[in-house]
């Protein structure tokens, strides 16, 4: 993937202003401080609601209410990120049980599927409200994630970036990011827009870009997306 094509494509649809300059050491210090303070507050405020959600999830479908996904973090280090379980307990072990052959082929390529049949009733609510992401604030406190950054991906998905793989892995992944708040469902690995948007963030990670992502995230939550 050519960096110039990525920049121009994103500036046409994903960015609303000139691309900011990537931040340096001061930015990284401020970002980590914000991560700790914001995530610590989120964990305290969300403790009781999280316990209630765990009970509701367990009642709705058998299995642990907390789900741990293996993903790739900074510089290719393997990490386990936490989420509230939104699917049936064996969703990852046996996805073919719940999908048509056509759905299974799409899922193998994108690792996501519109109207995924494995999603439970409570899980659909959690996803629509983004409440399933709450346990990931623990990952932020542990240093595996940032609040804002590229979406954490699987090992196989890192190779979608081709020669830009190491560049993509040079930034810590986040709970929310530029891809999620711009095109998201329209930007896929197959059409190349997912790679472009994620690399745009990596190349321009800064306070100004993070503020844009933060504001857009709350707008999306307000619309129930």
Protein backbone atom coordinates (compact mmCIF):
# COMPACT_ATOMS: atom_id res chain seq x y z
CA UNK A 1 0.00 0.00 0.00
CA UNK A 2 1.45 3.34 -1.04
CA UNK A 3 1.50 5.98 1.71
CA UNK A 4 0.54 8.80 -0.67
CA UNK A 5 -2.61 7.03 -1.85
CA UNK A 6 -3.56 6.41 1.78
CA UNK A 7 -3.11 10.08 2.71
CA UNK A 8 -5.09 11.44 -0.23
CA UNK A 9 -7.91 8.94 0.10
CA UNK A 10 -8.42 9.64 3.77
CA UNK A 11 -8.23 13.39 3.37
CA UNK A 12 -11.08 13.22 0.86
CA UNK A 13 -13.51 11.24 3.06
CA UNK A 14 -12.08 10.59 6.52
CA UNK A 15 -10.56 13.92 7.55
CA UNK A 16 -12.20 17.32 7.79
CA UNK A 17 -9.03 19.43 7.96
CA UNK A 18 -5.35 19.34 7.11
CA UNK A 19 -3.65 16.29 8.60
CA UNK A 20 -2.03 17.11 11.96
CA UNK A 21 1.64 16.48 12.63
CA UNK A 22 2.37 13.34 14.62
CA UNK A 23 3.01 14.04 18.30
CA UNK A 24 6.29 13.44 20.09
CA UNK A 25 7.44 12.52 23.61
CA UNK A 26 5.26 15.16 25.31
CA UNK A 27 2.19 13.88 23.50
CA UNK A 28 2.89 10.30 24.54
CA UNK A 29 3.29 11.36 28.20
CA UNK A 30 0.00 13.28 28.14
CA UNK A 31 -1.73 10.40 26.36
CA UNK A 32 -0.63 7.82 28.95
CA UNK A 33 -1.61 10.13 31.81
CA UNK A 34 -5.05 10.60 30.29
CA UNK A 35 -5.37 6.85 29.76
CA UNK A 36 -4.69 6.12 33.42
CA UNK A 37 -6.94 8.87 34.83
CA UNK A 38 -9.85 8.33 32.45
CA UNK A 39 -9.77 4.54 32.63
CA UNK A 40 -9.40 4.53 36.41
CA UNK A 41 -12.47 6.74 36.72
CA UNK A 42 -14.39 4.57 34.26
CA UNK A 43 -13.58 1.43 36.25
CA UNK A 44 -14.74 2.99 39.53
CA UNK A 45 -17.95 4.45 38.09
CA UNK A 46 -18.72 1.31 36.10
CA UNK A 47 -18.09 -1.27 38.83
CA UNK A 48 -21.69 -1.73 40.05
CA UNK A 49 -23.27 -1.50 36.55
CA UNK A 50 -20.71 -4.04 35.35
CA UNK A 51 -21.66 -6.52 38.07
CA UNK A 52 -25.31 -6.12 37.11
CA UNK A 53 -24.48 -6.67 33.43
CA UNK A 54 -22.51 -9.81 34.28
CA UNK A 55 -25.56 -11.24 36.02
CA UNK A 56 -27.87 -10.36 33.12
CA UNK A 57 -25.49 -11.91 30.56
CA UNK A 58 -25.18 -15.12 32.57
CA UNK A 59 -28.98 -15.39 32.87
CA UNK A 60 -29.52 -14.73 29.16
CA UNK A 61 -27.13 -17.44 27.90
CA UNK A 62 -24.81 -20.05 29.45
CA UNK A 63 -21.12 -19.23 29.82
CA UNK A 64 -18.80 -16.70 31.41
CA UNK A 65 -20.04 -13.09 31.10
CA UNK A 66 -16.49 -11.91 30.40
CA UNK A 67 -14.83 -12.85 27.14
CA UNK A 68 -11.09 -12.64 26.48
CA UNK A 69 -9.88 -12.15 22.91
CA UNK A 70 -6.30 -12.66 21.76
CA UNK A 71 -5.08 -9.69 19.77
CA UNK A 72 -1.77 -8.12 18.69
CA UNK A 73 -0.54 -5.08 20.56
CA UNK A 74 2.33 -2.63 20.35
CA UNK A 75 5.30 -3.94 18.32
CA UNK A 76 3.51 -7.24 17.68
CA UNK A 77 3.20 -8.34 21.33
CA UNK A 78 0.30 -10.73 21.98
CA UNK A 79 -2.32 -9.31 24.33
CA UNK A 80 -5.66 -10.51 25.70
CA UNK A 81 -8.42 -7.91 25.66
CA UNK A 82 -11.54 -8.16 27.81
CA UNK A 83 -15.13 -7.64 26.69
CA UNK A 84 -18.57 -8.49 27.96
CA UNK A 85 -19.68 -11.60 26.11
CA UNK A 86 -22.20 -10.71 23.40
CA UNK A 87 -22.32 -14.05 21.59
CA UNK A 88 -23.07 -17.65 22.41
CA UNK A 89 -20.27 -19.25 24.42
CA UNK A 90 -18.87 -21.35 21.55
CA UNK A 91 -19.12 -18.58 18.94
CA UNK A 92 -15.41 -18.57 18.11
CA UNK A 93 -14.79 -22.28 18.43
CA UNK A 94 -17.63 -23.29 16.10
CA UNK A 95 -18.85 -20.29 14.06
CA UNK A 96 -19.93 -22.60 11.22
CA UNK A 97 -22.69 -23.98 13.46
CA UNK A 98 -24.55 -20.68 13.36
CA UNK A 99 -23.75 -19.32 9.88
CA UNK A 100 -24.68 -20.07 6.33
CA UNK A 101 -21.73 -20.98 4.05
CA UNK A 102 -21.89 -17.49 2.52
CA UNK A 103 -21.83 -15.81 5.94
CA UNK A 104 -18.95 -18.02 7.05
CA UNK A 105 -16.84 -16.98 4.04
CA UNK A 106 -17.45 -13.28 4.78
CA UNK A 107 -16.61 -13.79 8.45
CA UNK A 108 -13.35 -15.60 7.64
CA UNK A 109 -12.27 -12.61 5.52
CA UNK A 110 -13.43 -9.66 7.65
CA UNK A 111 -13.78 -11.23 11.13
CA UNK A 112 -17.10 -9.36 11.35
CA UNK A 113 -20.55 -9.96 9.95
CA UNK A 114 -23.70 -7.86 9.65
CA UNK A 115 -26.57 -9.41 11.63
CA UNK A 116 -24.27 -12.08 13.04
CA UNK A 117 -26.52 -15.00 14.11
CA UNK A 118 -24.22 -15.82 17.06
CA UNK A 119 -25.13 -12.61 18.89
CA UNK A 120 -27.45 -13.05 21.89
CA UNK A 121 -30.41 -10.82 22.76
CA UNK A 122 -28.50 -9.06 25.55
CA UNK A 123 -25.39 -9.04 23.38
CA UNK A 124 -27.13 -7.04 20.64
CA UNK A 125 -28.06 -4.37 23.19
CA UNK A 126 -24.52 -4.30 24.56
CA UNK A 127 -23.07 -3.85 21.07
CA UNK A 128 -25.54 -1.18 19.99
CA UNK A 129 -24.77 0.79 23.15
CA UNK A 130 -21.01 -0.06 23.10
CA UNK A 131 -21.32 -1.25 26.71
CA UNK A 132 -19.53 -4.46 25.75
CA UNK A 133 -16.30 -2.43 25.58
CA UNK A 134 -16.33 -1.40 29.26
CA UNK A 135 -13.97 -4.19 30.50
CA UNK A 136 -11.31 -2.94 28.08
CA UNK A 137 -10.61 -0.04 30.44
CA UNK A 138 -8.82 -2.68 32.53
CA UNK A 139 -6.57 -3.31 29.52
CA UNK A 140 -5.83 0.40 29.35
CA UNK A 141 -4.77 0.45 33.01
CA UNK A 142 -2.56 -2.58 32.36
CA UNK A 143 -0.91 -0.72 29.46
CA UNK A 144 -2.05 -3.09 26.71
CA UNK A 145 -4.42 -0.54 25.12
CA UNK A 146 -4.94 3.19 24.93
CA UNK A 147 -8.35 4.83 25.09
CA UNK A 148 -7.71 6.06 21.51
CA UNK A 149 -5.74 4.19 18.87
CA UNK A 150 -6.05 1.73 15.98
CA UNK A 151 -8.47 -1.12 16.58
CA UNK A 152 -6.73 -4.19 18.10
CA UNK A 153 -6.50 -6.89 15.42
CA UNK A 154 -5.66 -10.56 15.12
CA UNK A 155 -2.27 -11.85 13.99
CA UNK A 156 -3.59 -12.71 10.53
CA UNK A 157 -5.19 -9.27 10.13
CA UNK A 158 -1.85 -7.52 10.68
CA UNK A 159 -0.71 -8.89 7.31
CA UNK A 160 -3.49 -6.95 5.59
CA UNK A 161 -1.14 -3.95 5.94
CA UNK A 162 1.50 -5.55 3.72
CA UNK A 163 4.76 -3.62 3.77
CA UNK A 164 3.20 -1.18 6.27
CA UNK A 165 2.67 -3.88 8.92
CA UNK A 166 5.51 -2.76 11.21
CA UNK A 167 4.37 0.85 10.90
CA UNK A 168 0.84 -0.11 11.96
CA UNK A 169 2.23 -2.01 14.96
CA UNK A 170 4.30 1.01 16.06
CA UNK A 171 1.25 2.52 17.80
CA UNK A 172 -0.61 1.04 20.77
CA UNK A 173 -4.13 -0.08 19.81
CA UNK A 174 -7.15 1.61 21.37
CA UNK A 175 -10.75 1.15 22.49
CA UNK A 176 -11.91 3.75 19.98
CA UNK A 177 -10.16 5.18 16.94
CA UNK A 178 -10.26 6.98 13.62
CA UNK A 179 -11.61 4.00 11.67
CA UNK A 180 -14.52 3.49 14.09
CA UNK A 181 -15.65 7.13 14.09
CA UNK A 182 -15.39 7.77 10.35
CA UNK A 183 -16.43 5.08 7.88
CA UNK A 184 -16.33 1.90 9.99
CA UNK A 185 -18.75 -0.54 8.29
CA UNK A 186 -18.03 0.93 4.85
CA UNK A 187 -14.26 0.54 5.30
CA UNK A 188 -13.24 -3.10 4.99
CA UNK A 189 -10.03 -5.06 4.55
CA UNK A 190 -11.26 -6.09 1.11
CA UNK A 191 -11.74 -2.57 -0.29
CA UNK A 192 -8.58 -1.31 1.44
CA UNK A 193 -10.25 1.57 3.26
CA UNK A 194 -9.80 -0.06 6.67
CA UNK A 195 -6.02 -0.11 6.16
CA UNK A 196 -6.01 3.49 4.92
CA UNK A 197 -7.93 4.85 7.88
CA UNK A 198 -5.89 2.96 10.47
CA UNK A 199 -2.61 4.09 8.87
CA UNK A 200 -3.89 7.66 8.74
CA UNK A 201 -4.18 7.61 12.52
CA UNK A 202 -0.78 5.97 12.98
CA UNK A 203 0.91 8.62 10.84
CA UNK A 204 -0.83 11.59 12.47
CA UNK A 205 -1.43 10.49 16.08
CA UNK A 206 -1.53 13.72 18.08
CA UNK A 207 -3.57 15.61 20.66
CA UNK A 208 -5.62 17.35 17.97
CA UNK A 209 -6.47 14.08 16.21
CA UNK A 210 -7.25 12.34 19.51
CA UNK A 211 -9.62 15.18 20.43
CA UNK A 212 -11.42 14.69 17.12
CA UNK A 213 -11.77 10.95 17.76
CA UNK A 214 -12.93 11.55 21.35
CA UNK A 215 -15.61 14.03 20.26
CA UNK A 216 -16.80 11.84 17.37
CA UNK A 217 -17.00 8.82 19.69
CA UNK A 218 -19.43 10.56 22.02
CA UNK A 219 -21.48 11.80 19.08
CA UNK A 220 -21.76 8.22 17.82
CA UNK A 221 -22.74 6.97 21.28
CA UNK A 222 -25.39 9.68 21.44
CA UNK A 223 -26.86 8.40 18.18
CA UNK A 224 -26.82 4.83 19.50
CA UNK A 225 -24.18 3.62 17.02
